[in-house]
Amino acid sequence: MPDIVTRFAPSPTGYLHLGHAFSALFAADAAREAGGRLILRIEDIDAGRCRPEFEAAIVDDLAWLGLEWDGPVRRQSEHLKDYAAALDRLRVNELIYPCFCTRADIKAEIARAATAPHAAPHTGEGADGAVYPGTCRALGQTEGQERIEAGEPHALRIHMGRAVELTGALSWSDRERGEIAAEPEAQGDVVLARKDTPTSYHLSVTVDDHLQGVNLVTRGEDLFAATHIHRLLQAVLGFAPPDYHHHRLLTGEDGRRLAKRDDAATIRALRNAGKSPAEVRALAGFDWT
């Protein structure tokens, strides 16, 4: 059996909170128990929201908690060529197409389809919210290219139906739930890149895990739906699938999962309040010594 390689991959769009600490400690525990390696990755493709000061705080807070990671930190913003190469592979196989719909266009099309007398309603929810109704899927290649060359804002979407037909049935091994049959078609034609952002979370995380040799992905159960997409992308890109462990989410007193808006629960705030690393690890449910 290969050594376990797992990772913690936060986005530097704010300070880490207790939920992040739980996820990081969970990944570190999985690596420690197996005598494996933990990798730290900074998912900073959102140039409008990511800040260097938040990245510095992430590294500082993790070190303060007692976490150690192996090798250099990988920053997604420094590896855009890797994601472009993956898009090129999908393009060659005619698995992506340009989409010129705005959010308002998509909302209007979903509403129209839901009330049309002979059309199937597109009201499902996927990993990215409302499932895209496929409006631009039928655009001719010439028209799409002309609109791109004219500078029209657009996204690149995967042709999910074509991809599923190519891969056939897929599954993944989940340590919490067992063998899971992948159903990527339920997620629709998700966005893989945009004109102003040359990769998406789905594409970059799939490429990164492959290139970094990650064979156990530990992450919150809120990302379970996204795994259907990632398993499909692994198959069409020829990547071996890792194992997964979707862990529970920490919640606040109101029962909602912790988010970056919860300032009182940030590691920085707890540190400033005088909490020790051991106390914060205990708050997150870990009793490392």
C-alpha atoms as a PDB file:
ATOM      1  CA  MET A   1       0.000   0.000   0.000  1.00  0.00           C
ATOM      2  CA  PRO A   2       1.332   3.495  -0.827  1.00  0.00           C
ATOM      3  CA  ASP A   3       1.987   5.915   1.994  1.00  0.00           C
ATOM      4  CA  ILE A   4      -0.964   8.124   2.867  1.00  0.00           C
ATOM      5  CA  VAL A   5      -0.707  11.656   1.474  1.00  0.00           C
ATOM      6  CA  THR A   6      -3.431  14.046   2.509  1.00  0.00           C
ATOM      7  CA  ARG A   7      -3.793  17.801   2.505  1.00  0.00           C
ATOM      8  CA  PHE A   8      -5.322  20.892   4.058  1.00  0.00           C
ATOM      9  CA  ALA A   9      -6.229  23.458   1.401  1.00  0.00           C
ATOM     10  CA  PRO A  10      -7.698  26.733   2.702  1.00  0.00           C
ATOM     11  CA  SER A  11      -8.476  29.867   0.703  1.00  0.00           C
ATOM     12  CA  PRO A  12      -6.858  33.086   2.004  1.00  0.00           C
ATOM     13  CA  THR A  13     -10.083  35.106   1.974  1.00  0.00           C
ATOM     14  CA  GLY A  14     -10.279  35.579   5.746  1.00  0.00           C
ATOM     15  CA  TYR A  15      -8.985  34.271   9.055  1.00  0.00           C
ATOM     16  CA  LEU A  16      -9.209  30.597   9.957  1.00  0.00           C
ATOM     17  CA  HIS A  17     -12.030  29.675  12.326  1.00  0.00           C
ATOM     18  CA  LEU A  18     -12.640  26.626  14.526  1.00  0.00           C
ATOM     19  CA  GLY A  19     -14.181  24.741  11.619  1.00  0.00           C
ATOM     20  CA  HIS A  20     -10.971  25.170   9.653  1.00  0.00           C
ATOM     21  CA  ALA A  21      -8.970  24.049  12.688  1.00  0.00           C
ATOM     22  CA  PHE A  22     -11.104  20.906  12.899  1.00  0.00           C
ATOM     23  CA  SER A  23     -10.549  20.143   9.207  1.00  0.00           C
ATOM     24  CA  ALA A  24      -6.804  20.774   9.412  1.00  0.00           C
ATOM     25  CA  LEU A  25      -6.397  18.681  12.560  1.00  0.00           C
ATOM     26  CA  PHE A  26      -8.540  15.925  11.062  1.00  0.00           C
ATOM     27  CA  ALA A  27      -6.273  15.754   7.993  1.00  0.00           C
ATOM     28  CA  ALA A  28      -3.162  15.865  10.160  1.00  0.00           C
ATOM     29  CA  ASP A  29      -4.513  13.027  12.332  1.00  0.00           C
ATOM     30  CA  ALA A  30      -5.202  10.896   9.251  1.00  0.00           C
ATOM     31  CA  ALA A  31      -1.614  11.386   8.108  1.00  0.00           C
ATOM     32  CA  ARG A  32      -0.112  10.816  11.568  1.00  0.00           C
ATOM     33  CA  GLU A  33      -2.056   7.629  12.248  1.00  0.00           C
ATOM     34  CA  ALA A  34      -0.891   6.133   8.944  1.00  0.00           C
ATOM     35  CA  GLY A  35       2.676   7.391   9.163  1.00  0.00           C
ATOM     36  CA  GLY A  36       1.968   9.448   6.058  1.00  0.00           C
ATOM     37  CA  ARG A  37       2.376  13.031   4.932  1.00  0.00           C
ATOM     38  CA  LEU A  38       0.286  16.182   5.242  1.00  0.00           C
ATOM     39  CA  ILE A  39       0.504  18.817   2.506  1.00  0.00           C
ATOM     40  CA  LEU A  40      -0.534  22.463   2.845  1.00  0.00           C
ATOM     41  CA  ARG A  41      -2.007  24.082  -0.258  1.00  0.00           C
ATOM     42  CA  ILE A  42      -3.237  27.666  -0.611  1.00  0.00           C
ATOM     43  CA  GLU A  43      -6.237  27.886  -2.948  1.00  0.00           C
ATOM     44  CA  ASP A  44      -5.869  31.501  -4.038  1.00  0.00           C
ATOM     45  CA  ILE A  45      -7.415  31.573  -7.520  1.00  0.00           C
ATOM     46  CA  ASP A  46     -10.012  34.184  -6.469  1.00  0.00           C
ATOM     47  CA  ALA A  47      -7.819  37.249  -7.013  1.00  0.00           C
ATOM     48  CA  GLY A  48     -10.599  39.607  -5.950  1.00  0.00           C
ATOM     49  CA  ARG A  49     -10.965  38.146  -2.453  1.00  0.00           C
ATOM     50  CA  CYS A  50      -7.625  36.550  -1.587  1.00  0.00           C
ATOM     51  CA  ARG A  51      -5.146  38.613   0.428  1.00  0.00           C
ATOM     52  CA  PRO A  52      -1.459  38.017   1.289  1.00  0.00           C
ATOM     53  CA  GLU A  53      -2.122  38.983   4.906  1.00  0.00           C
ATOM     54  CA  PHE A  54      -4.700  36.209   5.219  1.00  0.00           C
ATOM     55  CA  GLU A  55      -2.245  33.669   3.800  1.00  0.00           C
ATOM     56  CA  ALA A  56       0.364  34.780   6.317  1.00  0.00           C
ATOM     57  CA  ALA A  57      -2.213  34.450   9.106  1.00  0.00           C
ATOM     58  CA  ILE A  58      -3.166  30.942   7.935  1.00  0.00           C
ATOM     59  CA  VAL A  59       0.437  29.745   8.079  1.00  0.00           C
ATOM     60  CA  ASP A  60       0.973  31.412  11.465  1.00  0.00           C
ATOM     61  CA  ASP A  61      -2.236  30.035  13.006  1.00  0.00           C
ATOM     62  CA  LEU A  62      -1.566  26.495  11.799  1.00  0.00           C
ATOM     63  CA  ALA A  63       1.973  26.562  13.179  1.00  0.00           C
ATOM     64  CA  TRP A  64       0.634  27.964  16.470  1.00  0.00           C
ATOM     65  CA  LEU A  65      -1.819  25.042  16.657  1.00  0.00           C
ATOM     66  CA  GLY A  66       1.129  22.669  16.383  1.00  0.00           C
ATOM     67  CA  LEU A  67       0.613  21.472  12.823  1.00  0.00           C
ATOM     68  CA  GLU A  68       3.553  20.511  10.642  1.00  0.00           C
ATOM     69  CA  TRP A  69       3.318  19.896   6.912  1.00  0.00           C
ATOM     70  CA  ASP A  70       5.609  18.299   4.400  1.00  0.00           C
ATOM     71  CA  GLY A  71       7.292  20.086   1.518  1.00  0.00           C
ATOM     72  CA  PRO A  72       6.729  23.599   0.182  1.00  0.00           C
ATOM     73  CA  VAL A  73       3.314  25.234   0.168  1.00  0.00           C
ATOM     74  CA  ARG A  74       1.630  25.075  -3.257  1.00  0.00           C
ATOM     75  CA  ARG A  75      -0.176  28.260  -4.283  1.00  0.00           C
ATOM     76  CA  GLN A  76      -2.685  27.764  -7.053  1.00  0.00           C
ATOM     77  CA  SER A  77      -2.034  31.227  -8.488  1.00  0.00           C
ATOM     78  CA  GLU A  78       1.499  30.079  -9.342  1.00  0.00           C
ATOM     79  CA  HIS A  79       0.356  27.051 -11.355  1.00  0.00           C
ATOM     80  CA  LEU A  80      -2.192  28.368 -13.843  1.00  0.00           C
ATOM     81  CA  LYS A  81      -0.361  26.575 -16.679  1.00  0.00           C
ATOM     82  CA  ASP A  82      -1.259  23.241 -15.098  1.00  0.00           C
ATOM     83  CA  TYR A  83      -4.963  24.071 -15.220  1.00  0.00           C
ATOM     84  CA  ALA A  84      -4.688  25.427 -18.765  1.00  0.00           C
ATOM     85  CA  ALA A  85      -3.111  22.140 -19.849  1.00  0.00           C
ATOM     86  CA  ALA A  86      -6.022  20.221 -18.324  1.00  0.00           C
ATOM     87  CA  LEU A  87      -8.505  22.449 -20.149  1.00  0.00           C
ATOM     88  CA  ASP A  88      -6.656  21.824 -23.384  1.00  0.00           C
ATOM     89  CA  ARG A  89      -7.036  18.080 -22.903  1.00  0.00           C
ATOM     90  CA  LEU A  90     -10.766  18.489 -22.361  1.00  0.00           C
ATOM     91  CA  ARG A  91     -11.031  20.816 -25.355  1.00  0.00           C
ATOM     92  CA  VAL A  92      -9.326  18.307 -27.655  1.00  0.00           C
ATOM     93  CA  ASN A  93     -11.920  15.725 -26.639  1.00  0.00           C
ATOM     94  CA  GLU A  94     -14.747  18.263 -27.172  1.00  0.00           C
ATOM     95  CA  LEU A  95     -15.762  18.110 -23.526  1.00  0.00           C
ATOM     96  CA  ILE A  96     -15.979  21.848 -22.872  1.00  0.00           C
ATOM     97  CA  TYR A  97     -17.941  24.661 -24.459  1.00  0.00           C
ATOM     98  CA  PRO A  98     -18.233  28.439 -23.949  1.00  0.00           C
ATOM     99  CA  CYS A  99     -21.209  29.796 -22.025  1.00  0.00           C
ATOM    100  CA  PHE A 100     -22.211  33.459 -22.322  1.00  0.00           C
ATOM    101  CA  CYS A 101     -25.127  33.369 -19.864  1.00  0.00           C
ATOM    102  CA  THR A 102     -25.230  35.780 -16.962  1.00  0.00           C
ATOM    103  CA  ARG A 103     -26.646  34.719 -13.594  1.00  0.00           C
ATOM    104  CA  ALA A 104     -29.823  36.612 -14.512  1.00  0.00           C
ATOM    105  CA  ASP A 105     -30.020  34.717 -17.817  1.00  0.00           C
ATOM    106  CA  ILE A 106     -29.704  31.391 -16.028  1.00  0.00           C
ATOM    107  CA  LYS A 107     -32.309  32.304 -13.425  1.00  0.00           C
ATOM    108  CA  ALA A 108     -34.742  33.406 -16.139  1.00  0.00           C
ATOM    109  CA  GLU A 109     -34.193  30.239 -18.187  1.00  0.00           C
ATOM    110  CA  ILE A 110     -34.775  28.017 -15.162  1.00  0.00           C
ATOM    111  CA  ALA A 111     -38.006  29.865 -14.400  1.00  0.00           C
ATOM    112  CA  ARG A 112     -39.139  29.643 -18.032  1.00  0.00           C
ATOM    113  CA  ALA A 113     -38.378  25.936 -18.264  1.00  0.00           C
ATOM    114  CA  ALA A 114     -40.272  25.258 -15.053  1.00  0.00           C
ATOM    115  CA  THR A 115     -43.468  26.776 -16.473  1.00  0.00           C
ATOM    116  CA  ALA A 116     -43.198  25.592 -20.086  1.00  0.00           C
ATOM    117  CA  PRO A 117     -45.943  23.051 -20.886  1.00  0.00           C
ATOM    118  CA  HIS A 118     -43.711  20.426 -22.474  1.00  0.00           C
ATOM    119  CA  ALA A 119     -40.319  21.189 -20.975  1.00  0.00           C
ATOM    120  CA  ALA A 120     -38.751  19.408 -18.035  1.00  0.00           C
ATOM    121  CA  PRO A 121     -38.227  21.800 -15.119  1.00  0.00           C
ATOM    122  CA  HIS A 122     -34.641  22.692 -14.201  1.00  0.00           C
ATOM    123  CA  THR A 123     -35.068  23.311 -10.510  1.00  0.00           C
ATOM    124  CA  GLY A 124     -32.423  21.006  -9.064  1.00  0.00           C
ATOM    125  CA  GLU A 125     -29.616  22.170  -6.805  1.00  0.00           C
ATOM    126  CA  GLY A 126     -26.047  21.021  -7.252  1.00  0.00           C
ATOM    127  CA  ALA A 127     -22.673  21.694  -5.700  1.00  0.00           C
ATOM    128  CA  ASP A 128     -22.634  25.184  -7.254  1.00  0.00           C
ATOM    129  CA  GLY A 129     -26.278  26.066  -6.612  1.00  0.00           C
ATOM    130  CA  ALA A 130     -28.980  25.877  -9.261  1.00  0.00           C
ATOM    131  CA  VAL A 131     -28.106  23.350 -11.980  1.00  0.00           C
ATOM    132  CA  TYR A 132     -27.310  25.062 -15.272  1.00  0.00           C
ATOM    133  CA  PRO A 133     -30.080  24.399 -17.847  1.00  0.00           C
ATOM    134  CA  GLY A 134     -27.671  24.014 -20.785  1.00  0.00           C
ATOM    135  CA  THR A 135     -28.671  27.140 -22.698  1.00  0.00           C
ATOM    136  CA  CYS A 136     -25.359  27.587 -24.560  1.00  0.00           C
ATOM    137  CA  ARG A 137     -24.666  23.904 -25.097  1.00  0.00           C
ATOM    138  CA  ALA A 138     -26.143  23.987 -28.590  1.00  0.00           C
ATOM    139  CA  LEU A 139     -24.164  27.015 -29.784  1.00  0.00           C
ATOM    140  CA  GLY A 140     -22.221  26.346 -32.953  1.00  0.00           C
ATOM    141  CA  GLN A 141     -18.441  26.324 -32.686  1.00  0.00           C
ATOM    142  CA  THR A 142     -18.156  29.250 -35.102  1.00  0.00           C
ATOM    143  CA  GLU A 143     -20.606  31.442 -33.197  1.00  0.00           C
ATOM    144  CA  GLY A 144     -18.963  30.639 -29.883  1.00  0.00           C
ATOM    145  CA  GLN A 145     -15.485  31.446 -31.185  1.00  0.00           C
ATOM    146  CA  GLU A 146     -16.658  34.710 -32.744  1.00  0.00           C
ATOM    147  CA  ARG A 147     -18.181  35.845 -29.464  1.00  0.00           C
ATOM    148  CA  ILE A 148     -15.026  34.928 -27.566  1.00  0.00           C
ATOM    149  CA  GLU A 149     -12.855  36.849 -30.055  1.00  0.00           C
ATOM    150  CA  ALA A 150     -15.170  39.837 -29.692  1.00  0.00           C
ATOM    151  CA  GLY A 151     -14.256  39.919 -25.999  1.00  0.00           C
ATOM    152  CA  GLU A 152     -17.641  38.844 -24.696  1.00  0.00           C
ATOM    153  CA  PRO A 153     -17.502  37.648 -21.058  1.00  0.00           C
ATOM    154  CA  HIS A 154     -17.885  33.902 -20.880  1.00  0.00           C
ATOM    155  CA  ALA A 155     -17.301  30.771 -18.886  1.00  0.00           C
ATOM    156  CA  LEU A 156     -16.091  27.370 -20.005  1.00  0.00           C
ATOM    157  CA  ARG A 157     -18.437  24.574 -18.966  1.00  0.00           C
ATOM    158  CA  ILE A 158     -17.986  20.832 -19.144  1.00  0.00           C
ATOM    159  CA  HIS A 159     -20.385  18.995 -21.431  1.00  0.00           C
ATOM    160  CA  MET A 160     -21.469  16.627 -18.675  1.00  0.00           C
ATOM    161  CA  GLY A 161     -23.626  14.382 -20.829  1.00  0.00           C
ATOM    162  CA  ARG A 162     -20.813  13.776 -23.296  1.00  0.00           C
ATOM    163  CA  ALA A 163     -18.300  13.213 -20.499  1.00  0.00           C
ATOM    164  CA  VAL A 164     -20.515  10.700 -18.697  1.00  0.00           C
ATOM    165  CA  GLU A 165     -21.068   8.838 -21.945  1.00  0.00           C
ATOM    166  CA  LEU A 166     -17.293   8.664 -22.375  1.00  0.00           C
ATOM    167  CA  THR A 167     -16.466   7.437 -18.862  1.00  0.00           C
ATOM    168  CA  GLY A 168     -19.370   5.136 -18.120  1.00  0.00           C
ATOM    169  CA  ALA A 169     -20.231   4.263 -14.515  1.00  0.00           C
ATOM    170  CA  LEU A 170     -17.868   5.625 -11.858  1.00  0.00           C
ATOM    171  CA  SER A 171     -17.520   5.319  -8.098  1.00  0.00           C
ATOM    172  CA  TRP A 172     -15.220   6.317  -5.273  1.00  0.00           C
ATOM    173  CA  SER A 173     -14.228   4.875  -1.910  1.00  0.00           C
ATOM    174  CA  ASP A 174     -15.436   6.960   1.034  1.00  0.00           C
ATOM    175  CA  ARG A 175     -14.159   6.043   4.485  1.00  0.00           C
ATOM    176  CA  GLU A 176     -17.328   7.333   6.155  1.00  0.00           C
ATOM    177  CA  ARG A 177     -19.954   5.969   3.737  1.00  0.00           C
ATOM    178  CA  GLY A 178     -18.322   3.118   1.845  1.00  0.00           C
ATOM    179  CA  GLU A 179     -18.309   2.729  -1.935  1.00  0.00           C
ATOM    180  CA  ILE A 180     -20.232   5.589  -3.546  1.00  0.00           C
ATOM    181  CA  ALA A 181     -21.683   5.514  -7.050  1.00  0.00           C
ATOM    182  CA  ALA A 182     -20.784   8.801  -8.727  1.00  0.00           C
ATOM    183  CA  GLU A 183     -23.683  10.735 -10.262  1.00  0.00           C
ATOM    184  CA  PRO A 184     -21.965  13.727 -11.892  1.00  0.00           C
ATOM    185  CA  GLU A 185     -24.813  14.243 -14.386  1.00  0.00           C
ATOM    186  CA  ALA A 186     -26.987  15.479 -11.508  1.00  0.00           C
ATOM    187  CA  GLN A 187     -24.588  18.432 -11.133  1.00  0.00           C
ATOM    188  CA  GLY A 188     -25.114  19.677 -14.691  1.00  0.00           C
ATOM    189  CA  ASP A 189     -22.563  21.398 -16.925  1.00  0.00           C
ATOM    190  CA  VAL A 190     -20.482  23.019 -14.192  1.00  0.00           C
ATOM    191  CA  VAL A 191     -18.079  25.899 -14.832  1.00  0.00           C
ATOM    192  CA  LEU A 192     -14.414  24.935 -15.173  1.00  0.00           C
ATOM    193  CA  ALA A 193     -13.005  28.392 -16.005  1.00  0.00           C
ATOM    194  CA  ARG A 194     -14.040  31.954 -16.763  1.00  0.00           C
ATOM    195  CA  LYS A 195     -12.602  34.657 -18.981  1.00  0.00           C
ATOM    196  CA  ASP A 196     -11.244  36.548 -15.956  1.00  0.00           C
ATOM    197  CA  THR A 197     -10.484  33.478 -13.790  1.00  0.00           C
ATOM    198  CA  PRO A 198      -8.698  30.781 -15.809  1.00  0.00           C
ATOM    199  CA  THR A 199      -9.703  27.885 -13.563  1.00  0.00           C
ATOM    200  CA  SER A 200     -12.429  26.882 -11.128  1.00  0.00           C
ATOM    201  CA  TYR A 201     -12.348  25.188  -7.760  1.00  0.00           C
ATOM    202  CA  HIS A 202     -13.460  21.909  -9.338  1.00  0.00           C
ATOM    203  CA  LEU A 203     -10.738  21.858 -11.978  1.00  0.00           C
ATOM    204  CA  SER A 204      -7.845  23.168  -9.899  1.00  0.00           C
ATOM    205  CA  VAL A 205      -8.451  20.913  -6.891  1.00  0.00           C
ATOM    206  CA  THR A 206      -8.646  17.848  -9.154  1.00  0.00           C
ATOM    207  CA  VAL A 207      -5.403  18.748 -10.947  1.00  0.00           C
ATOM    208  CA  ASP A 208      -3.602  19.696  -7.728  1.00  0.00           C
ATOM    209  CA  ASP A 209      -4.496  16.494  -5.894  1.00  0.00           C
ATOM    210  CA  HIS A 210      -3.200  14.472  -8.837  1.00  0.00           C
ATOM    211  CA  LEU A 211       0.049  16.414  -9.250  1.00  0.00           C
ATOM    212  CA  GLN A 212       0.743  16.387  -5.508  1.00  0.00           C
ATOM    213  CA  GLY A 213       0.119  12.664  -5.155  1.00  0.00           C
ATOM    214  CA  VAL A 214      -2.769  13.099  -2.722  1.00  0.00           C
ATOM    215  CA  ASN A 215      -4.385   9.699  -2.172  1.00  0.00           C
ATOM    216  CA  LEU A 216      -6.672  10.564   0.754  1.00  0.00           C
ATOM    217  CA  VAL A 217      -8.849  13.670   0.578  1.00  0.00           C
ATOM    218  CA  THR A 218     -10.327  14.634   3.939  1.00  0.00           C
ATOM    219  CA  ARG A 219     -12.829  17.476   3.877  1.00  0.00           C
ATOM    220  CA  GLY A 220     -16.204  18.567   5.206  1.00  0.00           C
ATOM    221  CA  GLU A 221     -19.431  16.833   4.266  1.00  0.00           C
ATOM    222  CA  ASP A 222     -20.587  20.114   2.687  1.00  0.00           C
ATOM    223  CA  LEU A 223     -18.288  19.211  -0.229  1.00  0.00           C
ATOM    224  CA  PHE A 224     -19.752  15.745  -0.747  1.00  0.00           C
ATOM    225  CA  ALA A 225     -21.746  16.852  -3.817  1.00  0.00           C
ATOM    226  CA  ALA A 226     -18.593  18.313  -5.381  1.00  0.00           C
ATOM    227  CA  THR A 227     -16.912  14.916  -5.216  1.00  0.00           C
ATOM    228  CA  HIS A 228     -19.278  13.617  -7.916  1.00  0.00           C
ATOM    229  CA  ILE A 229     -17.814  16.298 -10.206  1.00  0.00           C
ATOM    230  CA  HIS A 230     -14.228  15.643  -9.190  1.00  0.00           C
ATOM    231  CA  ARG A 231     -14.565  11.909  -9.786  1.00  0.00           C
ATOM    232  CA  LEU A 232     -15.788  12.630 -13.323  1.00  0.00           C
ATOM    233  CA  LEU A 233     -12.908  15.025 -13.986  1.00  0.00           C
ATOM    234  CA  GLN A 234     -10.388  12.479 -12.709  1.00  0.00           C
ATOM    235  CA  ALA A 235     -11.765   9.935 -15.159  1.00  0.00           C
ATOM    236  CA  VAL A 236     -11.736  12.159 -18.241  1.00  0.00           C
ATOM    237  CA  LEU A 237      -8.259  13.466 -17.403  1.00  0.00           C
ATOM    238  CA  GLY A 238      -6.851  10.000 -16.762  1.00  0.00           C
ATOM    239  CA  PHE A 239      -6.104  10.545 -13.048  1.00  0.00           C
ATOM    240  CA  ALA A 240      -6.245   7.806 -10.432  1.00  0.00           C
ATOM    241  CA  PRO A 241      -8.935   8.598  -7.856  1.00  0.00           C
ATOM    242  CA  PRO A 242      -7.934   9.158  -4.237  1.00  0.00           C
ATOM    243  CA  ASP A 243      -9.909   7.811  -1.292  1.00  0.00           C
ATOM    244  CA  TYR A 244     -12.167  10.289   0.495  1.00  0.00           C
ATOM    245  CA  HIS A 245     -13.306  10.946   4.034  1.00  0.00           C
ATOM    246  CA  HIS A 246     -16.049  13.546   4.343  1.00  0.00           C
ATOM    247  CA  HIS A 247     -16.094  14.570   7.977  1.00  0.00           C
ATOM    248  CA  ARG A 248     -18.762  16.276  10.042  1.00  0.00           C
ATOM    249  CA  LEU A 249     -18.944  20.061  10.272  1.00  0.00           C
ATOM    250  CA  LEU A 250     -18.550  22.145  13.387  1.00  0.00           C
ATOM    251  CA  THR A 251     -21.559  24.340  14.128  1.00  0.00           C
ATOM    252  CA  GLY A 252     -22.141  27.428  16.214  1.00  0.00           C
ATOM    253  CA  GLU A 253     -24.640  27.912  19.018  1.00  0.00           C
ATOM    254  CA  ASP A 254     -27.303  28.666  16.413  1.00  0.00           C
ATOM    255  CA  GLY A 255     -26.767  25.283  14.782  1.00  0.00           C
ATOM    256  CA  ARG A 256     -25.319  26.716  11.573  1.00  0.00           C
ATOM    257  CA  ARG A 257     -21.940  25.575  10.327  1.00  0.00           C
ATOM    258  CA  LEU A 258     -19.089  27.913  11.195  1.00  0.00           C
ATOM    259  CA  ALA A 259     -18.112  30.382   8.476  1.00  0.00           C
ATOM    260  CA  LYS A 260     -15.625  33.214   8.064  1.00  0.00           C
ATOM    261  CA  ARG A 261     -18.293  35.687   9.114  1.00  0.00           C
ATOM    262  CA  ASP A 262     -18.149  34.166  12.614  1.00  0.00           C
ATOM    263  CA  ASP A 263     -15.428  36.459  13.931  1.00  0.00           C
ATOM    264  CA  ALA A 264     -15.682  35.257  17.531  1.00  0.00           C
ATOM    265  CA  ALA A 265     -14.719  31.735  16.472  1.00  0.00           C
ATOM    266  CA  THR A 266     -11.595  32.668  14.491  1.00  0.00           C
ATOM    267  CA  ILE A 267      -8.298  31.231  15.674  1.00  0.00           C
ATOM    268  CA  ARG A 268      -6.934  34.772  15.771  1.00  0.00           C
ATOM    269  CA  ALA A 269      -9.713  35.923  18.110  1.00  0.00           C
ATOM    270  CA  LEU A 270      -9.282  32.917  20.383  1.00  0.00           C
ATOM    271  CA  ARG A 271      -5.546  33.541  20.557  1.00  0.00           C
ATOM    272  CA  ASN A 272      -6.105  37.187  21.417  1.00  0.00           C
ATOM    273  CA  ALA A 273      -8.529  36.100  24.131  1.00  0.00           C
ATOM    274  CA  GLY A 274      -5.714  34.176  25.807  1.00  0.00           C
ATOM    275  CA  LYS A 275      -6.550  30.636  24.709  1.00  0.00           C
ATOM    276  CA  SER A 276      -3.623  28.233  24.425  1.00  0.00           C
ATOM    277  CA  PRO A 277      -3.034  25.955  21.426  1.00  0.00           C
ATOM    278  CA  ALA A 278      -4.111  22.964  23.540  1.00  0.00           C
ATOM    279  CA  GLU A 279      -7.348  24.734  24.516  1.00  0.00           C
ATOM    280  CA  VAL A 280      -8.179  25.595  20.920  1.00  0.00           C
ATOM    281  CA  ARG A 281      -7.408  22.048  19.781  1.00  0.00           C
ATOM    282  CA  ALA A 282      -9.762  20.810  22.515  1.00  0.00           C
ATOM    283  CA  LEU A 283     -12.470  23.216  21.375  1.00  0.00           C
ATOM    284  CA  ALA A 284     -12.125  21.692  17.924  1.00  0.00           C
ATOM    285  CA  GLY A 285     -12.370  18.203  19.395  1.00  0.00           C
ATOM    286  CA  PHE A 286      -8.710  17.129  19.429  1.00  0.00           C
ATOM    287  CA  ASP A 287      -6.574  16.402  22.503  1.00  0.00           C
ATOM    288  CA  TRP A 288      -3.066  16.350  21.109  1.00  0.00           C
ATOM    289  CA  THR A 289      -0.291  16.705  23.673  1.00  0.00           C
END
